[in-house]
Amino acid sequence: MNKVVITGANRGIGLAMVQQFVTRGDSVVALCRQSSSALEATGAHIVTGFDASNELSIRSSLAALKDLSIDILINNAGILRDEQLGAIDVQQIESQFFINAVAPLLVVDALKSQLTVNAKVALITSRMGSIEDNTSGGRYGYRMSKAALNAAGVSLSHDLKSQRASVAILHPGYVQTDMVGGRGDISASTAAERLIQRIDELTLDTSGTFWHSNGQILPW
């Protein structure tokens, strides 16, 4: 049985991962701003008040986990906004950068001493953070924040190697969630299943690799 911590766990991909980890017998701590009836139905241990936009909220929520040993840490919380040339909203870009890139780093930094030997850290990113794969432009804040998260993931893969913790940098796919207005080509359940498979397969040798949840290695 693994001890799993997941952020952004009250809906979408985060909720689906909680459901699947619990179903297979893992012990799950679900972090979120507000719980949901679906999350409560999983039987996971829920920590509310986790606001990924606020450093004090992050640190306060994580303090509740101070006695927990962690086998799998999944940074899933994130936001998507839309900026185009001629309509650049600096505050909106900064918000995405903090929530999508800085907050996951704060979470790992705060919990690194609680990671078990051979622990796994997963960063739920996006192929929209790939520079080579950008063929459509736009979405400046989201693309920039996810590229920053990818860079953090590679650094973490080096810095955590001494304690034998590995890092997965994972694009879930185009998932039917509230974030994209229900559009997408796979369900949250399918995305969660694929993400968990990638995490299960993760080793120190593949730590720091940028993966699509379907198993494809993505370009930086």
Protein backbone atom coordinates (compact mmCIF):
# COMPACT_ATOMS: atom_id res chain seq x y z
CA MET A 1 0.00 0.00 0.00
CA ASN A 2 1.37 3.38 -1.04
CA LYS A 3 0.80 6.60 0.83
CA VAL A 4 -0.27 9.10 -1.81
CA VAL A 5 -0.70 12.89 -1.63
CA ILE A 6 -2.60 14.67 -4.42
CA THR A 7 -3.25 18.40 -4.82
CA GLY A 8 -6.28 19.79 -6.65
CA ALA A 9 -8.15 16.62 -5.72
CA ASN A 10 -11.80 17.67 -5.51
CA ARG A 11 -12.70 17.34 -9.20
CA GLY A 12 -11.47 16.43 -12.66
CA ILE A 13 -8.23 14.53 -13.06
CA GLY A 14 -7.29 14.94 -9.40
CA LEU A 15 -10.56 13.40 -8.22
CA ALA A 16 -10.25 10.56 -10.74
CA MET A 17 -6.76 9.75 -9.49
CA VAL A 18 -7.97 9.76 -5.87
CA GLN A 19 -10.75 7.35 -6.80
CA GLN A 20 -8.41 4.97 -8.60
CA PHE A 21 -5.66 4.99 -5.97
CA VAL A 22 -8.22 4.33 -3.22
CA THR A 23 -9.86 1.55 -5.24
CA ARG A 24 -6.58 -0.30 -5.61
CA GLY A 25 -5.92 -0.06 -1.87
CA ASP A 26 -3.59 2.91 -1.50
CA SER A 27 -3.89 5.43 1.34
CA VAL A 28 -4.65 8.86 -0.11
CA VAL A 29 -4.45 12.39 1.27
CA ALA A 30 -6.46 14.75 -0.94
CA LEU A 31 -5.60 18.46 -0.82
CA CYS A 32 -8.06 21.03 -2.16
CA ARG A 33 -9.56 24.44 -1.45
CA GLN A 34 -13.04 23.01 -0.92
CA SER A 35 -14.14 19.40 -0.81
CA SER A 36 -16.87 17.87 -2.96
CA SER A 37 -19.41 15.13 -2.37
CA ALA A 38 -17.63 12.97 -4.94
CA LEU A 39 -14.32 13.38 -3.13
CA GLU A 40 -15.87 12.66 0.26
CA ALA A 41 -17.38 9.46 -1.16
CA THR A 42 -13.88 8.09 -1.88
CA GLY A 43 -12.97 7.74 1.78
CA ALA A 44 -9.68 9.55 1.25
CA HIS A 45 -8.28 11.76 4.01
CA ILE A 46 -9.25 15.27 2.90
CA VAL A 47 -7.36 18.45 3.76
CA THR A 48 -9.30 21.55 2.76
CA GLY A 49 -8.10 25.15 2.63
CA PHE A 50 -5.26 24.35 0.23
CA ASP A 51 -5.13 27.42 -2.01
CA ALA A 52 -2.40 27.05 -4.63
CA SER A 53 -2.44 30.80 -5.26
CA ASN A 54 -1.33 31.64 -1.73
CA GLU A 55 2.00 30.66 -0.16
CA LEU A 56 0.74 30.92 3.42
CA SER A 57 -2.24 28.70 2.60
CA ILE A 58 0.04 26.14 0.97
CA ARG A 59 2.41 25.99 3.92
CA SER A 60 -0.43 25.90 6.45
CA SER A 61 -2.15 23.01 4.67
CA LEU A 62 1.07 21.04 4.33
CA ALA A 63 1.82 21.47 8.04
CA ALA A 64 -1.10 19.10 8.67
CA LEU A 65 0.94 16.40 6.93
CA LYS A 66 4.09 16.82 9.01
CA ASP A 67 4.00 13.28 10.40
CA LEU A 68 3.19 11.57 7.10
CA SER A 69 5.68 9.49 5.11
CA ILE A 70 4.94 9.90 1.40
CA ASP A 71 5.48 7.33 -1.34
CA ILE A 72 3.79 9.23 -4.18
CA LEU A 73 3.37 13.02 -4.33
CA ILE A 74 1.25 14.36 -7.19
CA ASN A 75 1.09 18.08 -7.96
CA ASN A 76 -2.11 18.34 -9.97
CA ALA A 77 -3.63 21.72 -9.03
CA GLY A 78 -3.53 24.22 -11.88
CA ILE A 79 -5.45 26.87 -13.82
CA LEU A 80 -5.85 27.78 -17.49
CA ARG A 81 -6.53 31.28 -18.78
CA ASP A 82 -6.31 32.81 -22.24
CA GLU A 83 -4.16 35.75 -23.31
CA GLN A 84 -3.61 36.87 -26.87
CA LEU A 85 -1.54 39.67 -28.33
CA GLY A 86 -3.47 42.87 -27.85
CA ALA A 87 -5.13 41.49 -24.72
CA ILE A 88 -2.28 40.78 -22.33
CA ASP A 89 -3.38 40.64 -18.70
CA VAL A 90 -0.24 40.73 -16.53
CA GLN A 91 -2.04 39.84 -13.31
CA GLN A 92 -3.63 36.83 -14.98
CA ILE A 93 -0.26 35.66 -16.30
CA GLU A 94 1.35 36.06 -12.88
CA SER A 95 -1.46 34.08 -11.27
CA GLN A 96 -0.98 31.19 -13.68
CA PHE A 97 2.77 31.28 -13.19
CA PHE A 98 2.44 31.05 -9.41
CA ILE A 99 -0.27 28.38 -9.32
CA ASN A 100 1.08 26.24 -12.15
CA ALA A 101 4.83 26.50 -11.54
CA VAL A 102 5.77 28.06 -8.21
CA ALA A 103 3.18 26.30 -6.02
CA PRO A 104 4.22 22.77 -7.06
CA LEU A 105 7.83 23.66 -6.27
CA LEU A 106 6.80 24.94 -2.84
CA VAL A 107 4.90 21.71 -2.19
CA VAL A 108 7.85 19.50 -3.08
CA ASP A 109 10.26 21.67 -1.11
CA ALA A 110 8.05 21.54 1.99
CA LEU A 111 7.53 17.78 1.82
CA LYS A 112 10.89 16.56 0.50
CA SER A 113 12.10 15.33 3.90
CA GLN A 114 8.95 13.18 4.17
CA LEU A 115 9.51 11.35 0.89
CA THR A 116 10.34 7.69 1.42
CA VAL A 117 13.25 5.91 -0.24
CA ASN A 118 12.29 5.35 -3.90
CA ALA A 119 9.40 7.84 -3.60
CA LYS A 120 7.87 9.26 -6.75
CA VAL A 121 6.97 12.90 -7.44
CA ALA A 122 4.61 13.66 -10.33
CA LEU A 123 4.07 17.08 -11.87
CA ILE A 124 0.91 17.30 -13.97
CA THR A 125 2.00 19.68 -16.71
CA SER A 126 0.92 20.16 -20.34
CA ARG A 127 2.39 19.69 -23.78
CA MET A 128 1.44 23.37 -24.18
CA GLY A 129 4.61 23.98 -22.19
CA SER A 130 6.65 22.46 -25.01
CA ILE A 131 8.47 25.05 -27.10
CA GLU A 132 9.09 22.70 -30.02
CA ASP A 133 5.47 21.51 -30.05
CA ASN A 134 3.97 25.03 -30.12
CA THR A 135 2.36 25.32 -33.55
CA SER A 136 -0.54 27.66 -32.75
CA GLY A 137 0.73 30.45 -30.48
CA GLY A 138 -1.39 32.29 -27.91
CA ARG A 139 -2.19 31.16 -24.35
CA TYR A 140 0.87 33.07 -23.16
CA GLY A 141 0.48 32.70 -19.41
CA TYR A 142 -0.43 29.01 -19.53
CA ARG A 143 2.34 28.08 -21.96
CA MET A 144 4.95 30.07 -20.03
CA SER A 145 3.88 28.65 -16.67
CA LYS A 146 3.94 25.05 -17.89
CA ALA A 147 7.34 25.51 -19.54
CA ALA A 148 8.57 26.81 -16.18
CA LEU A 149 7.06 23.79 -14.41
CA ASN A 150 8.83 21.48 -16.84
CA ALA A 151 12.14 23.21 -16.08
CA ALA A 152 11.49 22.84 -12.34
CA GLY A 153 10.76 19.15 -12.86
CA VAL A 154 14.13 18.53 -14.48
CA SER A 155 15.94 20.36 -11.66
CA LEU A 156 13.97 18.36 -9.09
CA SER A 157 14.94 15.11 -10.81
CA HIS A 158 18.60 16.00 -10.16
CA ASP A 159 18.16 17.43 -6.68
CA LEU A 160 16.07 14.53 -5.36
CA LYS A 161 18.24 11.80 -6.83
CA SER A 162 20.43 11.66 -3.72
CA GLN A 163 17.43 10.45 -1.72
CA ARG A 164 16.39 8.08 -4.53
CA ALA A 165 13.21 9.98 -5.32
CA SER A 166 12.23 10.12 -9.00
CA VAL A 167 10.24 12.78 -10.85
CA ALA A 168 7.62 12.35 -13.57
CA ILE A 169 6.72 15.32 -15.79
CA LEU A 170 3.34 14.32 -17.21
CA HIS A 171 0.94 15.69 -19.81
CA PRO A 172 -2.47 14.11 -19.14
CA GLY A 173 -3.83 14.51 -22.67
CA TYR A 174 -6.74 16.63 -23.86
CA VAL A 175 -9.10 15.77 -21.02
CA GLN A 176 -12.82 16.48 -20.68
CA THR A 177 -12.70 18.68 -17.57
CA ASP A 178 -14.18 21.96 -16.39
CA MET A 179 -10.85 23.62 -17.20
CA VAL A 180 -11.51 23.21 -20.93
CA GLY A 181 -15.28 23.56 -20.74
CA GLY A 182 -15.90 19.83 -21.04
CA ARG A 183 -14.13 19.58 -24.38
CA GLY A 184 -11.40 17.01 -24.89
CA ASP A 185 -10.91 13.58 -26.39
CA ILE A 186 -10.49 11.43 -23.25
CA SER A 187 -12.30 11.28 -19.93
CA ALA A 188 -10.73 12.24 -16.62
CA SER A 189 -10.94 8.58 -15.64
CA THR A 190 -8.94 7.47 -18.68
CA ALA A 191 -6.38 10.22 -18.11
CA ALA A 192 -6.01 9.21 -14.46
CA GLU A 193 -5.53 5.56 -15.39
CA ARG A 194 -2.78 6.47 -17.86
CA LEU A 195 -1.09 8.89 -15.47
CA ILE A 196 -1.02 6.31 -12.69
CA GLN A 197 0.51 3.80 -15.10
CA ARG A 198 3.26 6.26 -15.99
CA ILE A 199 3.91 6.90 -12.28
CA ASP A 200 4.01 3.18 -11.53
CA GLU A 201 6.54 2.66 -14.32
CA LEU A 202 8.74 5.60 -13.25
CA THR A 203 12.30 4.78 -12.19
CA LEU A 204 15.41 6.77 -11.35
CA ASP A 205 16.63 6.05 -14.88
CA THR A 206 13.58 7.75 -16.42
CA SER A 207 13.31 10.52 -13.81
CA GLY A 208 13.02 13.98 -15.34
CA THR A 209 11.49 12.77 -18.62
CA PHE A 210 8.56 14.66 -20.19
CA TRP A 211 5.82 12.12 -20.96
CA HIS A 212 2.40 12.12 -22.54
CA SER A 213 0.08 9.98 -20.41
CA ASN A 214 -0.20 7.58 -23.37
CA GLY A 215 3.50 6.73 -22.99
CA GLN A 216 4.91 9.01 -25.70
CA ILE A 217 8.02 11.03 -24.83
CA LEU A 218 7.30 14.70 -25.59
CA PRO A 219 9.76 17.29 -26.92
CA TRP A 220 10.89 20.20 -24.77
